[in-house]
Amino acid sequence: QTATAVTVSQTGLVTATVPGQSTPQQIGQLTIANFVNEAGLLALGGNYFQQTAASGQPTVGVPGDTAFGIIQQGYVEASNVDPVTEITNLISAQRAYEMNSKVIQAADQMSGTISNLRS
């Protein structure tokens, strides 16, 4: 059937309103999985992840339960990156690279000078 409206509640309950019915019908329940080591998940791309031995076993629950948060329909997740911090880190890394490059140049020049003195 064709639904005229689909909604997802904060607790993950999915309902749909179909033509000819005024009361939304429950069509599903979303669940959430938490992992002990989220960094151990295998990134598959497209915001898909796969469980691995490093991630551990999932703890599955429904939104609204303790430690599982809630769902907010129609919201877009904000960036998890602080641009100011990342630019500061990038500048620091660039300066460290430049300093290391100068140290290598100076060591190379000293090595050349020592070689010339021995000749």
PDB file of N, CA and C in Angstrom:
ATOM      1  N   GLN A   1       0.835  -1.186   0.000  1.00  0.00           N
ATOM      2  CA  GLN A   1       0.000   0.000   0.000  1.00  0.00           C
ATOM      3  C   GLN A   1       0.875   1.243   0.000  1.00  0.00           C
ATOM      4  N   THR A   2       0.286   2.341  -0.404  1.00  0.00           N
ATOM      5  CA  THR A   2       0.975   3.617  -0.417  1.00  0.00           C
ATOM      6  C   THR A   2       0.624   4.391   0.842  1.00  0.00           C
ATOM      7  N   ALA A   3       1.626   4.804   1.576  1.00  0.00           N
ATOM      8  CA  ALA A   3       1.406   5.570   2.801  1.00  0.00           C
ATOM      9  C   ALA A   3       1.321   7.049   2.461  1.00  0.00           C
ATOM     10  N   THR A   4       0.431   7.750   3.142  1.00  0.00           N
ATOM     11  CA  THR A   4       0.332   9.201   2.954  1.00  0.00           C
ATOM     12  C   THR A   4       1.228   9.937   3.936  1.00  0.00           C
ATOM     13  N   ALA A   5       1.614   9.280   5.022  1.00  0.00           N
ATOM     14  CA  ALA A   5       2.518   9.880   6.008  1.00  0.00           C
ATOM     15  C   ALA A   5       3.215   8.777   6.781  1.00  0.00           C
ATOM     16  N   VAL A   6       4.498   8.984   7.024  1.00  0.00           N
ATOM     17  CA  VAL A   6       5.280   8.060   7.840  1.00  0.00           C
ATOM     18  C   VAL A   6       5.944   8.885   8.932  1.00  0.00           C
ATOM     19  N   THR A   7       5.837   8.430  10.173  1.00  0.00           N
ATOM     20  CA  THR A   7       6.468   9.142  11.282  1.00  0.00           C
ATOM     21  C   THR A   7       7.302   8.179  12.118  1.00  0.00           C
ATOM     22  N   VAL A   8       8.322   8.755  12.743  1.00  0.00           N
ATOM     23  CA  VAL A   8       9.179   7.998  13.653  1.00  0.00           C
ATOM     24  C   VAL A   8       9.178   8.744  14.976  1.00  0.00           C
ATOM     25  N   SER A   9       8.765   8.072  16.043  1.00  0.00           N
ATOM     26  CA  SER A   9       8.703   8.710  17.361  1.00  0.00           C
ATOM     27  C   SER A   9      10.089   8.735  18.000  1.00  0.00           C
ATOM     28  N   GLN A  10      10.217   9.456  19.108  1.00  0.00           N
ATOM     29  CA  GLN A  10      11.484   9.520  19.829  1.00  0.00           C
ATOM     30  C   GLN A  10      11.900   8.166  20.370  1.00  0.00           C
ATOM     31  N   THR A  11      10.953   7.278  20.539  1.00  0.00           N
ATOM     32  CA  THR A  11      11.262   5.932  21.027  1.00  0.00           C
ATOM     33  C   THR A  11      11.479   4.937  19.889  1.00  0.00           C
ATOM     34  N   GLY A  12      11.518   5.433  18.634  1.00  0.00           N
ATOM     35  CA  GLY A  12      11.803   4.579  17.493  1.00  0.00           C
ATOM     36  C   GLY A  12      10.611   3.859  16.911  1.00  0.00           C
ATOM     37  N   LEU A  13       9.413   4.177  17.356  1.00  0.00           N
ATOM     38  CA  LEU A  13       8.206   3.548  16.831  1.00  0.00           C
ATOM     39  C   LEU A  13       7.887   4.159  15.464  1.00  0.00           C
ATOM     40  N   VAL A  14       7.796   3.323  14.435  1.00  0.00           N
ATOM     41  CA  VAL A  14       7.520   3.784  13.072  1.00  0.00           C
ATOM     42  C   VAL A  14       6.053   3.526  12.768  1.00  0.00           C
ATOM     43  N   THR A  15       5.342   4.593  12.392  1.00  0.00           N
ATOM     44  CA  THR A  15       3.922   4.464  12.051  1.00  0.00           C
ATOM     45  C   THR A  15       3.685   5.057  10.672  1.00  0.00           C
ATOM     46  N   ALA A  16       2.639   4.569  10.018  1.00  0.00           N
ATOM     47  CA  ALA A  16       2.276   5.069   8.694  1.00  0.00           C
ATOM     48  C   ALA A  16       0.767   5.250   8.619  1.00  0.00           C
ATOM     49  N   THR A  17       0.377   6.308   7.929  1.00  0.00           N
ATOM     50  CA  THR A  17      -1.039   6.539   7.655  1.00  0.00           C
ATOM     51  C   THR A  17      -1.274   6.158   6.202  1.00  0.00           C
ATOM     52  N   VAL A  18      -2.251   5.296   5.978  1.00  0.00           N
ATOM     53  CA  VAL A  18      -2.555   4.840   4.621  1.00  0.00           C
ATOM     54  C   VAL A  18      -3.906   5.403   4.198  1.00  0.00           C
ATOM     55  N   PRO A  19      -4.113   5.545   2.886  1.00  0.00           N
ATOM     56  CA  PRO A  19      -5.390   6.082   2.408  1.00  0.00           C
ATOM     57  C   PRO A  19      -6.569   5.256   2.917  1.00  0.00           C
ATOM     58  N   GLY A  20      -7.610   5.938   3.331  1.00  0.00           N
ATOM     59  CA  GLY A  20      -8.816   5.275   3.808  1.00  0.00           C
ATOM     60  C   GLY A  20      -8.808   4.997   5.301  1.00  0.00           C
ATOM     61  N   GLN A  21      -7.692   5.254   5.965  1.00  0.00           N
ATOM     62  CA  GLN A  21      -7.621   5.048   7.415  1.00  0.00           C
ATOM     63  C   GLN A  21      -7.153   6.342   8.072  1.00  0.00           C
ATOM     64  N   SER A  22      -7.813   6.704   9.153  1.00  0.00           N
ATOM     65  CA  SER A  22      -7.432   7.937   9.840  1.00  0.00           C
ATOM     66  C   SER A  22      -6.424   7.688  10.958  1.00  0.00           C
ATOM     67  N   THR A  23      -6.364   6.464  11.430  1.00  0.00           N
ATOM     68  CA  THR A  23      -5.453   6.131  12.524  1.00  0.00           C
ATOM     69  C   THR A  23      -4.147   5.576  11.960  1.00  0.00           C
ATOM     70  N   PRO A  24      -3.013   6.142  12.371  1.00  0.00           N
ATOM     71  CA  PRO A  24      -1.726   5.598  11.903  1.00  0.00           C
ATOM     72  C   PRO A  24      -1.538   4.157  12.379  1.00  0.00           C
ATOM     73  N   GLN A  25      -0.950   3.339  11.538  1.00  0.00           N
ATOM     74  CA  GLN A  25      -0.697   1.934  11.852  1.00  0.00           C
ATOM     75  C   GLN A  25       0.785   1.739  12.164  1.00  0.00           C
ATOM     76  N   GLN A  26       1.071   0.987  13.227  1.00  0.00           N
ATOM     77  CA  GLN A  26       2.467   0.702  13.558  1.00  0.00           C
ATOM     78  C   GLN A  26       3.033  -0.259  12.522  1.00  0.00           C
ATOM     79  N   ILE A  27       4.178   0.114  11.933  1.00  0.00           N
ATOM     80  CA  ILE A  27       4.789  -0.752  10.919  1.00  0.00           C
ATOM     81  C   ILE A  27       6.178  -1.241  11.328  1.00  0.00           C
ATOM     82  N   GLY A  28       6.692  -0.735  12.445  1.00  0.00           N
ATOM     83  CA  GLY A  28       8.007  -1.209  12.872  1.00  0.00           C
ATOM     84  C   GLY A  28       8.514  -0.509  14.110  1.00  0.00           C
ATOM     85  N   GLN A  29       9.625  -1.017  14.611  1.00  0.00           N
ATOM     86  CA  GLN A  29      10.295  -0.446  15.786  1.00  0.00           C
ATOM     87  C   GLN A  29      11.791  -0.407  15.488  1.00  0.00           C
ATOM     88  N   LEU A  30      12.380   0.781  15.524  1.00  0.00           N
ATOM     89  CA  LEU A  30      13.816   0.904  15.320  1.00  0.00           C
ATOM     90  C   LEU A  30      14.553   0.500  16.590  1.00  0.00           C
ATOM     91  N   THR A  31      15.701  -0.125  16.413  1.00  0.00           N
ATOM     92  CA  THR A  31      16.560  -0.460  17.547  1.00  0.00           C
ATOM     93  C   THR A  31      17.921   0.189  17.329  1.00  0.00           C
ATOM     94  N   ILE A  32      18.657   0.337  18.408  1.00  0.00           N
ATOM     95  CA  ILE A  32      19.990   0.941  18.365  1.00  0.00           C
ATOM     96  C   ILE A  32      20.970  -0.058  18.962  1.00  0.00           C
ATOM     97  N   ALA A  33      22.160  -0.138  18.365  1.00  0.00           N
ATOM     98  CA  ALA A  33      23.209  -1.022  18.887  1.00  0.00           C
ATOM     99  C   ALA A  33      24.389  -0.180  19.356  1.00  0.00           C
ATOM    100  N   ASN A  34      24.826  -0.407  20.583  1.00  0.00           N
ATOM    101  CA  ASN A  34      26.029   0.223  21.127  1.00  0.00           C
ATOM    102  C   ASN A  34      27.131  -0.819  21.187  1.00  0.00           C
ATOM    103  N   PHE A  35      28.373  -0.365  20.989  1.00  0.00           N
ATOM    104  CA  PHE A  35      29.523  -1.258  21.044  1.00  0.00           C
ATOM    105  C   PHE A  35      30.498  -0.768  22.101  1.00  0.00           C
ATOM    106  N   VAL A  36      31.171  -1.698  22.760  1.00  0.00           N
ATOM    107  CA  VAL A  36      32.152  -1.352  23.783  1.00  0.00           C
ATOM    108  C   VAL A  36      33.274  -0.522  23.166  1.00  0.00           C
ATOM    109  N   ASN A  37      33.719  -0.896  21.969  1.00  0.00           N
ATOM    110  CA  ASN A  37      34.808  -0.200  21.282  1.00  0.00           C
ATOM    111  C   ASN A  37      34.321   0.231  19.903  1.00  0.00           C
ATOM    112  N   GLU A  38      33.725   1.415  19.823  1.00  0.00           N
ATOM    113  CA  GLU A  38      33.197   1.896  18.540  1.00  0.00           C
ATOM    114  C   GLU A  38      34.303   2.078  17.508  1.00  0.00           C
ATOM    115  N   ALA A  39      35.520   2.384  17.959  1.00  0.00           N
ATOM    116  CA  ALA A  39      36.647   2.554  17.038  1.00  0.00           C
ATOM    117  C   ALA A  39      37.009   1.234  16.361  1.00  0.00           C
ATOM    118  N   GLY A  40      36.581   0.111  16.929  1.00  0.00           N
ATOM    119  CA  GLY A  40      36.871  -1.192  16.353  1.00  0.00           C
ATOM    120  C   GLY A  40      35.929  -1.608  15.242  1.00  0.00           C
ATOM    121  N   LEU A  41      34.885  -0.815  14.985  1.00  0.00           N
ATOM    122  CA  LEU A  41      33.961  -1.133  13.891  1.00  0.00           C
ATOM    123  C   LEU A  41      34.655  -0.939  12.549  1.00  0.00           C
ATOM    124  N   LEU A  42      34.302  -1.739  11.571  1.00  0.00           N
ATOM    125  CA  LEU A  42      34.858  -1.643  10.224  1.00  0.00           C
ATOM    126  C   LEU A  42      33.983  -0.712   9.400  1.00  0.00           C
ATOM    127  N   ALA A  43      34.556   0.410   8.932  1.00  0.00           N
ATOM    128  CA  ALA A  43      33.813   1.366   8.107  1.00  0.00           C
ATOM    129  C   ALA A  43      33.670   0.801   6.698  1.00  0.00           C
ATOM    130  N   LEU A  44      32.429   0.662   6.239  1.00  0.00           N
ATOM    131  CA  LEU A  44      32.161   0.122   4.907  1.00  0.00           C
ATOM    132  C   LEU A  44      31.911   1.227   3.891  1.00  0.00           C
ATOM    133  N   GLY A  45      31.770   2.464   4.349  1.00  0.00           N
ATOM    134  CA  GLY A  45      31.458   3.592   3.473  1.00  0.00           C
ATOM    135  C   GLY A  45      29.971   3.869   3.483  1.00  0.00           C
ATOM    136  N   GLY A  46      29.605   5.101   3.142  1.00  0.00           N
ATOM    137  CA  GLY A  46      28.198   5.475   3.103  1.00  0.00           C
ATOM    138  C   GLY A  46      27.535   5.435   4.469  1.00  0.00           C
ATOM    139  N   ASN A  47      28.300   5.688   5.526  1.00  0.00           N
ATOM    140  CA  ASN A  47      27.809   5.636   6.909  1.00  0.00           C
ATOM    141  C   ASN A  47      27.378   4.234   7.343  1.00  0.00           C
ATOM    142  N   TYR A  48      27.932   3.211   6.709  1.00  0.00           N
ATOM    143  CA  TYR A  48      27.686   1.826   7.113  1.00  0.00           C
ATOM    144  C   TYR A  48      28.912   1.302   7.857  1.00  0.00           C
ATOM    145  N   PHE A  49      28.664   0.556   8.931  1.00  0.00           N
ATOM    146  CA  PHE A  49      29.741  -0.026   9.716  1.00  0.00           C
ATOM    147  C   PHE A  49      29.437  -1.495   9.963  1.00  0.00           C
ATOM    148  N   GLN A  50      30.505  -2.277  10.134  1.00  0.00           N
ATOM    149  CA  GLN A  50      30.346  -3.708  10.381  1.00  0.00           C
ATOM    150  C   GLN A  50      31.031  -4.078  11.692  1.00  0.00           C
ATOM    151  N   GLN A  51      30.387  -4.944  12.438  1.00  0.00           N
ATOM    152  CA  GLN A  51      30.940  -5.444  13.699  1.00  0.00           C
ATOM    153  C   GLN A  51      32.198  -6.250  13.418  1.00  0.00           C
ATOM    154  N   THR A  52      33.199  -6.103  14.281  1.00  0.00           N
ATOM    155  CA  THR A  52      34.423  -6.896  14.192  1.00  0.00           C
ATOM    156  C   THR A  52      34.730  -7.455  15.579  1.00  0.00           C
ATOM    157  N   ALA A  53      35.742  -8.292  15.650  1.00  0.00           N
ATOM    158  CA  ALA A  53      36.163  -8.817  16.955  1.00  0.00           C
ATOM    159  C   ALA A  53      36.649  -7.676  17.842  1.00  0.00           C
ATOM    160  N   ALA A  54      37.273  -6.658  17.225  1.00  0.00           N
ATOM    161  CA  ALA A  54      37.791  -5.515  17.994  1.00  0.00           C
ATOM    162  C   ALA A  54      36.672  -4.648  18.568  1.00  0.00           C
ATOM    163  N   SER A  55      35.523  -4.608  17.894  1.00  0.00           N
ATOM    164  CA  SER A  55      34.414  -3.761  18.373  1.00  0.00           C
ATOM    165  C   SER A  55      33.674  -4.401  19.540  1.00  0.00           C
ATOM    166  N   GLY A  56      33.750  -5.713  19.643  1.00  0.00           N
ATOM    167  CA  GLY A  56      33.015  -6.419  20.686  1.00  0.00           C
ATOM    168  C   GLY A  56      31.587  -6.694  20.255  1.00  0.00           C
ATOM    169  N   GLN A  57      30.846  -7.338  21.123  1.00  0.00           N
ATOM    170  CA  GLN A  57      29.453  -7.680  20.844  1.00  0.00           C
ATOM    171  C   GLN A  57      28.560  -6.455  21.045  1.00  0.00           C
ATOM    172  N   PRO A  58      27.512  -6.319  20.243  1.00  0.00           N
ATOM    173  CA  PRO A  58      26.620  -5.166  20.406  1.00  0.00           C
ATOM    174  C   PRO A  58      25.690  -5.328  21.604  1.00  0.00           C
ATOM    175  N   THR A  59      25.353  -4.195  22.192  1.00  0.00           N
ATOM    176  CA  THR A  59      24.289  -4.129  23.188  1.00  0.00           C
ATOM    177  C   THR A  59      23.129  -3.452  22.480  1.00  0.00           C
ATOM    178  N   VAL A  60      22.031  -4.170  22.290  1.00  0.00           N
ATOM    179  CA  VAL A  60      20.908  -3.667  21.498  1.00  0.00           C
ATOM    180  C   VAL A  60      19.783  -3.224  22.419  1.00  0.00           C
ATOM    181  N   GLY A  61      19.187  -2.085  22.080  1.00  0.00           N
ATOM    182  CA  GLY A  61      18.061  -1.568  22.849  1.00  0.00           C
ATOM    183  C   GLY A  61      17.214  -0.661  21.982  1.00  0.00           C
ATOM    184  N   VAL A  62      16.170  -0.137  22.553  1.00  0.00           N
ATOM    185  CA  VAL A  62      15.294   0.773  21.809  1.00  0.00           C
ATOM    186  C   VAL A  62      15.565   2.201  22.253  1.00  0.00           C
ATOM    187  N   PRO A  63      15.374   3.153  21.346  1.00  0.00           N
ATOM    188  CA  PRO A  63      15.556   4.557  21.715  1.00  0.00           C
ATOM    189  C   PRO A  63      14.681   4.908  22.915  1.00  0.00           C
ATOM    190  N   GLY A  64      15.233   5.705  23.799  1.00  0.00           N
ATOM    191  CA  GLY A  64      14.515   6.091  25.007  1.00  0.00           C
ATOM    192  C   GLY A  64      14.945   5.301  26.224  1.00  0.00           C
ATOM    193  N   ASP A  65      15.499   4.090  26.010  1.00  0.00           N
ATOM    194  CA  ASP A  65      16.032   3.315  27.131  1.00  0.00           C
ATOM    195  C   ASP A  65      17.322   3.969  27.620  1.00  0.00           C
ATOM    196  N   THR A  66      17.693   3.677  28.847  1.00  0.00           N
ATOM    197  CA  THR A  66      18.927   4.218  29.410  1.00  0.00           C
ATOM    198  C   THR A  66      20.113   3.877  28.518  1.00  0.00           C
ATOM    199  N   ALA A  67      20.947   4.861  28.228  1.00  0.00           N
ATOM    200  CA  ALA A  67      22.181   4.737  27.432  1.00  0.00           C
ATOM    201  C   ALA A  67      21.935   4.574  25.935  1.00  0.00           C
ATOM    202  N   PHE A  68      20.707   4.770  25.464  1.00  0.00           N
ATOM    203  CA  PHE A  68      20.454   4.635  24.035  1.00  0.00           C
ATOM    204  C   PHE A  68      19.977   5.921  23.374  1.00  0.00           C
ATOM    205  N   GLY A  69      19.738   6.970  24.117  1.00  0.00           N
ATOM    206  CA  GLY A  69      19.323   8.234  23.527  1.00  0.00           C
ATOM    207  C   GLY A  69      17.928   8.168  22.941  1.00  0.00           C
ATOM    208  N   ILE A  70      17.600   9.192  22.161  1.00  0.00           N
ATOM    209  CA  ILE A  70      16.297   9.258  21.499  1.00  0.00           C
ATOM    210  C   ILE A  70      16.506   9.555  20.022  1.00  0.00           C
ATOM    211  N   ILE A  71      15.454   9.392  19.245  1.00  0.00           N
ATOM    212  CA  ILE A  71      15.480   9.695  17.816  1.00  0.00           C
ATOM    213  C   ILE A  71      14.691  10.974  17.595  1.00  0.00           C
ATOM    214  N   GLN A  72      15.216  11.829  16.718  1.00  0.00           N
ATOM    215  CA  GLN A  72      14.513  13.056  16.374  1.00  0.00           C
ATOM    216  C   GLN A  72      14.310  13.075  14.861  1.00  0.00           C
ATOM    217  N   GLN A  73      13.088  12.858  14.446  1.00  0.00           N
ATOM    218  CA  GLN A  73      12.763  12.796  13.031  1.00  0.00           C
ATOM    219  C   GLN A  73      12.936  14.167  12.392  1.00  0.00           C
ATOM    220  N   GLY A  74      13.530  14.186  11.198  1.00  0.00           N
ATOM    221  CA  GLY A  74      13.659  15.416  10.428  1.00  0.00           C
ATOM    222  C   GLY A  74      14.873  16.255  10.769  1.00  0.00           C
ATOM    223  N   TYR A  75      15.689  15.822  11.697  1.00  0.00           N
ATOM    224  CA  TYR A  75      16.883  16.568  12.079  1.00  0.00           C
ATOM    225  C   TYR A  75      18.074  16.064  11.290  1.00  0.00           C
ATOM    226  N   VAL A  76      19.031  16.957  11.053  1.00  0.00           N
ATOM    227  CA  VAL A  76      20.280  16.597  10.409  1.00  0.00           C
ATOM    228  C   VAL A  76      21.369  16.700  11.469  1.00  0.00           C
ATOM    229  N   GLU A  77      22.191  15.674  11.569  1.00  0.00           N
ATOM    230  CA  GLU A  77      23.248  15.672  12.576  1.00  0.00           C
ATOM    231  C   GLU A  77      24.264  16.753  12.263  1.00  0.00           C
ATOM    232  N   ALA A  78      24.667  17.479  13.273  1.00  0.00           N
ATOM    233  CA  ALA A  78      25.685  18.513  13.116  1.00  0.00           C
ATOM    234  C   ALA A  78      27.063  17.866  13.012  1.00  0.00           C
ATOM    235  N   SER A  79      28.001  18.626  12.518  1.00  0.00           N
ATOM    236  CA  SER A  79      29.364  18.140  12.377  1.00  0.00           C
ATOM    237  C   SER A  79      29.967  17.847  13.743  1.00  0.00           C
ATOM    238  N   ASN A  80      30.750  16.791  13.812  1.00  0.00           N
ATOM    239  CA  ASN A  80      31.443  16.439  15.048  1.00  0.00           C
ATOM    240  C   ASN A  80      32.840  17.040  15.089  1.00  0.00           C
ATOM    241  N   VAL A  81      33.160  17.890  14.109  1.00  0.00           N
ATOM    242  CA  VAL A  81      34.492  18.462  13.990  1.00  0.00           C
ATOM    243  C   VAL A  81      34.439  19.938  14.354  1.00  0.00           C
ATOM    244  N   ASP A  82      35.390  20.374  15.184  1.00  0.00           N
ATOM    245  CA  ASP A  82      35.525  21.791  15.508  1.00  0.00           C
ATOM    246  C   ASP A  82      36.527  22.378  14.520  1.00  0.00           C
ATOM    247  N   PRO A  83      36.071  23.198  13.553  1.00  0.00           N
ATOM    248  CA  PRO A  83      36.974  23.700  12.515  1.00  0.00           C
ATOM    249  C   PRO A  83      38.152  24.497  13.065  1.00  0.00           C
ATOM    250  N   VAL A  84      37.943  25.279  14.111  1.00  0.00           N
ATOM    251  CA  VAL A  84      39.030  26.087  14.672  1.00  0.00           C
ATOM    252  C   VAL A  84      40.128  25.186  15.229  1.00  0.00           C
ATOM    253  N   THR A  85      39.734  24.147  15.951  1.00  0.00           N
ATOM    254  CA  THR A  85      40.717  23.212  16.505  1.00  0.00           C
ATOM    255  C   THR A  85      41.469  22.497  15.392  1.00  0.00           C
ATOM    256  N   GLU A  86      40.760  22.076  14.360  1.00  0.00           N
ATOM    257  CA  GLU A  86      41.402  21.352  13.264  1.00  0.00           C
ATOM    258  C   GLU A  86      42.370  22.236  12.489  1.00  0.00           C
ATOM    259  N   ILE A  87      42.017  23.500  12.263  1.00  0.00           N
ATOM    260  CA  ILE A  87      42.927  24.415  11.563  1.00  0.00           C
ATOM    261  C   ILE A  87      44.154  24.679  12.425  1.00  0.00           C
ATOM    262  N   THR A  88      43.956  24.844  13.732  1.00  0.00           N
ATOM    263  CA  THR A  88      45.083  25.039  14.647  1.00  0.00           C
ATOM    264  C   THR A  88      46.010  23.830  14.610  1.00  0.00           C
ATOM    265  N   ASN A  89      45.446  22.632  14.625  1.00  0.00           N
ATOM    266  CA  ASN A  89      46.258  21.408  14.537  1.00  0.00           C
ATOM    267  C   ASN A  89      47.005  21.335  13.212  1.00  0.00           C
ATOM    268  N   LEU A  90      46.351  21.741  12.132  1.00  0.00           N
ATOM    269  CA  LEU A  90      46.982  21.725  10.814  1.00  0.00           C
ATOM    270  C   LEU A  90      48.156  22.695  10.759  1.00  0.00           C
ATOM    271  N   ILE A  91      47.979  23.893  11.305  1.00  0.00           N
ATOM    272  CA  ILE A  91      49.062  24.884  11.323  1.00  0.00           C
ATOM    273  C   ILE A  91      50.225  24.379  12.171  1.00  0.00           C
ATOM    274  N   SER A  92      49.930  23.775  13.311  1.00  0.00           N
ATOM    275  CA  SER A  92      50.987  23.221  14.169  1.00  0.00           C
ATOM    276  C   SER A  92      51.757  22.126  13.444  1.00  0.00           C
ATOM    277  N   ALA A  93      51.053  21.264  12.743  1.00  0.00           N
ATOM    278  CA  ALA A  93      51.711  20.187  11.995  1.00  0.00           C
ATOM    279  C   ALA A  93      52.577  20.756  10.880  1.00  0.00           C
ATOM    280  N   GLN A  94      52.086  21.794  10.213  1.00  0.00           N
ATOM    281  CA  GLN A  94      52.860  22.414   9.132  1.00  0.00           C
ATOM    282  C   GLN A  94      54.134  23.043   9.688  1.00  0.00           C
ATOM    283  N   ARG A  95      54.044  23.723  10.821  1.00  0.00           N
ATOM    284  CA  ARG A  95      55.229  24.339  11.435  1.00  0.00           C
ATOM    285  C   ARG A  95      56.227  23.276  11.872  1.00  0.00           C
ATOM    286  N   ALA A  96      55.752  22.188  12.422  1.00  0.00           N
ATOM    287  CA  ALA A  96      56.650  21.098  12.824  1.00  0.00           C
ATOM    288  C   ALA A  96      57.349  20.514  11.602  1.00  0.00           C
ATOM    289  N   TYR A  97      56.626  20.376  10.502  1.00  0.00           N
ATOM    290  CA  TYR A  97      57.217  19.865   9.264  1.00  0.00           C
ATOM    291  C   TYR A  97      58.307  20.813   8.771  1.00  0.00           C
ATOM    292  N   GLU A  98      58.020  22.125   8.784  1.00  0.00           N
ATOM    293  CA  GLU A  98      59.010  23.110   8.337  1.00  0.00           C
ATOM    294  C   GLU A  98      60.260  23.071   9.209  1.00  0.00           C
ATOM    295  N   MET A  99      60.079  22.977  10.528  1.00  0.00           N
ATOM    296  CA  MET A  99      61.236  22.923  11.437  1.00  0.00           C
ATOM    297  C   MET A  99      62.060  21.664  11.193  1.00  0.00           C
ATOM    298  N   ASN A 100      61.397  20.536  11.005  1.00  0.00           N
ATOM    299  CA  ASN A 100      62.122  19.291  10.726  1.00  0.00           C
ATOM    300  C   ASN A 100      62.878  19.384   9.412  1.00  0.00           C
ATOM    301  N   SER A 101      62.281  20.022   8.432  1.00  0.00           N
ATOM    302  CA  SER A 101      62.935  20.202   7.140  1.00  0.00           C
ATOM    303  C   SER A 101      64.194  21.051   7.287  1.00  0.00           C
ATOM    304  N   LYS A 102      64.114  22.109   8.099  1.00  0.00           N
ATOM    305  CA  LYS A 102      65.282  22.974   8.320  1.00  0.00           C
ATOM    306  C   LYS A 102      66.378  22.231   9.082  1.00  0.00           C
ATOM    307  N   VAL A 103      66.014  21.392  10.028  1.00  0.00           N
ATOM    308  CA  VAL A 103      66.997  20.599  10.767  1.00  0.00           C
ATOM    309  C   VAL A 103      67.717  19.654   9.817  1.00  0.00           C
ATOM    310  N   ILE A 104      66.975  19.024   8.919  1.00  0.00           N
ATOM    311  CA  ILE A 104      67.588  18.107   7.953  1.00  0.00           C
ATOM    312  C   ILE A 104      68.516  18.870   7.016  1.00  0.00           C
ATOM    313  N   GLN A 105      68.104  20.061   6.582  1.00  0.00           N
ATOM    314  CA  GLN A 105      68.960  20.885   5.717  1.00  0.00           C
ATOM    315  C   GLN A 105      70.248  21.262   6.438  1.00  0.00           C
ATOM    316  N   ALA A 106      70.133  21.687   7.690  1.00  0.00           N
ATOM    317  CA  ALA A 106      71.321  22.079   8.461  1.00  0.00           C
ATOM    318  C   ALA A 106      72.250  20.884   8.660  1.00  0.00           C
ATOM    319  N   ALA A 107      71.700  19.716   8.965  1.00  0.00           N
ATOM    320  CA  ALA A 107      72.514  18.513   9.140  1.00  0.00           C
ATOM    321  C   ALA A 107      73.215  18.149   7.839  1.00  0.00           C
ATOM    322  N   ASP A 108      72.526  18.306   6.732  1.00  0.00           N
ATOM    323  CA  ASP A 108      73.115  18.021   5.423  1.00  0.00           C
ATOM    324  C   ASP A 108      74.257  18.987   5.123  1.00  0.00           C
ATOM    325  N   GLN A 109      74.063  20.263   5.438  1.00  0.00           N
ATOM    326  CA  GLN A 109      75.117  21.258   5.215  1.00  0.00           C
ATOM    327  C   GLN A 109      76.328  20.974   6.100  1.00  0.00           C
ATOM    328  N   MET A 110      76.096  20.626   7.369  1.00  0.00           N
ATOM    329  CA  MET A 110      77.209  20.313   8.265  1.00  0.00           C
ATOM    330  C   MET A 110      77.954  19.078   7.788  1.00  0.00           C
ATOM    331  N   SER A 111      77.233  18.093   7.308  1.00  0.00           N
ATOM    332  CA  SER A 111      77.862  16.880   6.790  1.00  0.00           C
ATOM    333  C   SER A 111      78.724  17.212   5.581  1.00  0.00           C
ATOM    334  N   GLY A 112      78.229  18.093   4.717  1.00  0.00           N
ATOM    335  CA  GLY A 112      79.006  18.517   3.552  1.00  0.00           C
ATOM    336  C   GLY A 112      80.245  19.286   3.951  1.00  0.00           C
ATOM    337  N   THR A 113      80.131  20.165   4.939  1.00  0.00           N
ATOM    338  CA  THR A 113      81.277  20.951   5.410  1.00  0.00           C
ATOM    339  C   THR A 113      82.335  20.035   6.011  1.00  0.00           C
ATOM    340  N   ILE A 114      81.916  19.057   6.807  1.00  0.00           N
ATOM    341  CA  ILE A 114      82.859  18.109   7.413  1.00  0.00           C
ATOM    342  C   ILE A 114      83.563  17.308   6.331  1.00  0.00           C
ATOM    343  N   SER A 115      82.845  16.905   5.304  1.00  0.00           N
ATOM    344  CA  SER A 115      83.447  16.148   4.200  1.00  0.00           C
ATOM    345  C   SER A 115      84.479  16.993   3.477  1.00  0.00           C
ATOM    346  N   ASN A 116      84.186  18.280   3.293  1.00  0.00           N
ATOM    347  CA  ASN A 116      85.123  19.176   2.604  1.00  0.00           C
ATOM    348  C   ASN A 116      86.369  19.416   3.447  1.00  0.00           C
ATOM    349  N   LEU A 117      86.239  19.489   4.778  1.00  0.00           N
ATOM    350  CA  LEU A 117      87.393  19.710   5.648  1.00  0.00           C
ATOM    351  C   LEU A 117      88.316  18.506   5.652  1.00  0.00           C
ATOM    352  N   ARG A 118      87.791  17.318   5.542  1.00  0.00           N
ATOM    353  CA  ARG A 118      88.602  16.097   5.554  1.00  0.00           C
ATOM    354  C   ARG A 118      89.347  15.906   4.234  1.00  0.00           C
ATOM    355  N   SER A 119      88.863  16.496   3.171  1.00  0.00           N
ATOM    356  CA  SER A 119      89.487  16.293   1.855  1.00  0.00           C
ATOM    357  C   SER A 119      90.740  17.072   1.671  1.00  0.00           C
TER     358      SER A 119
END
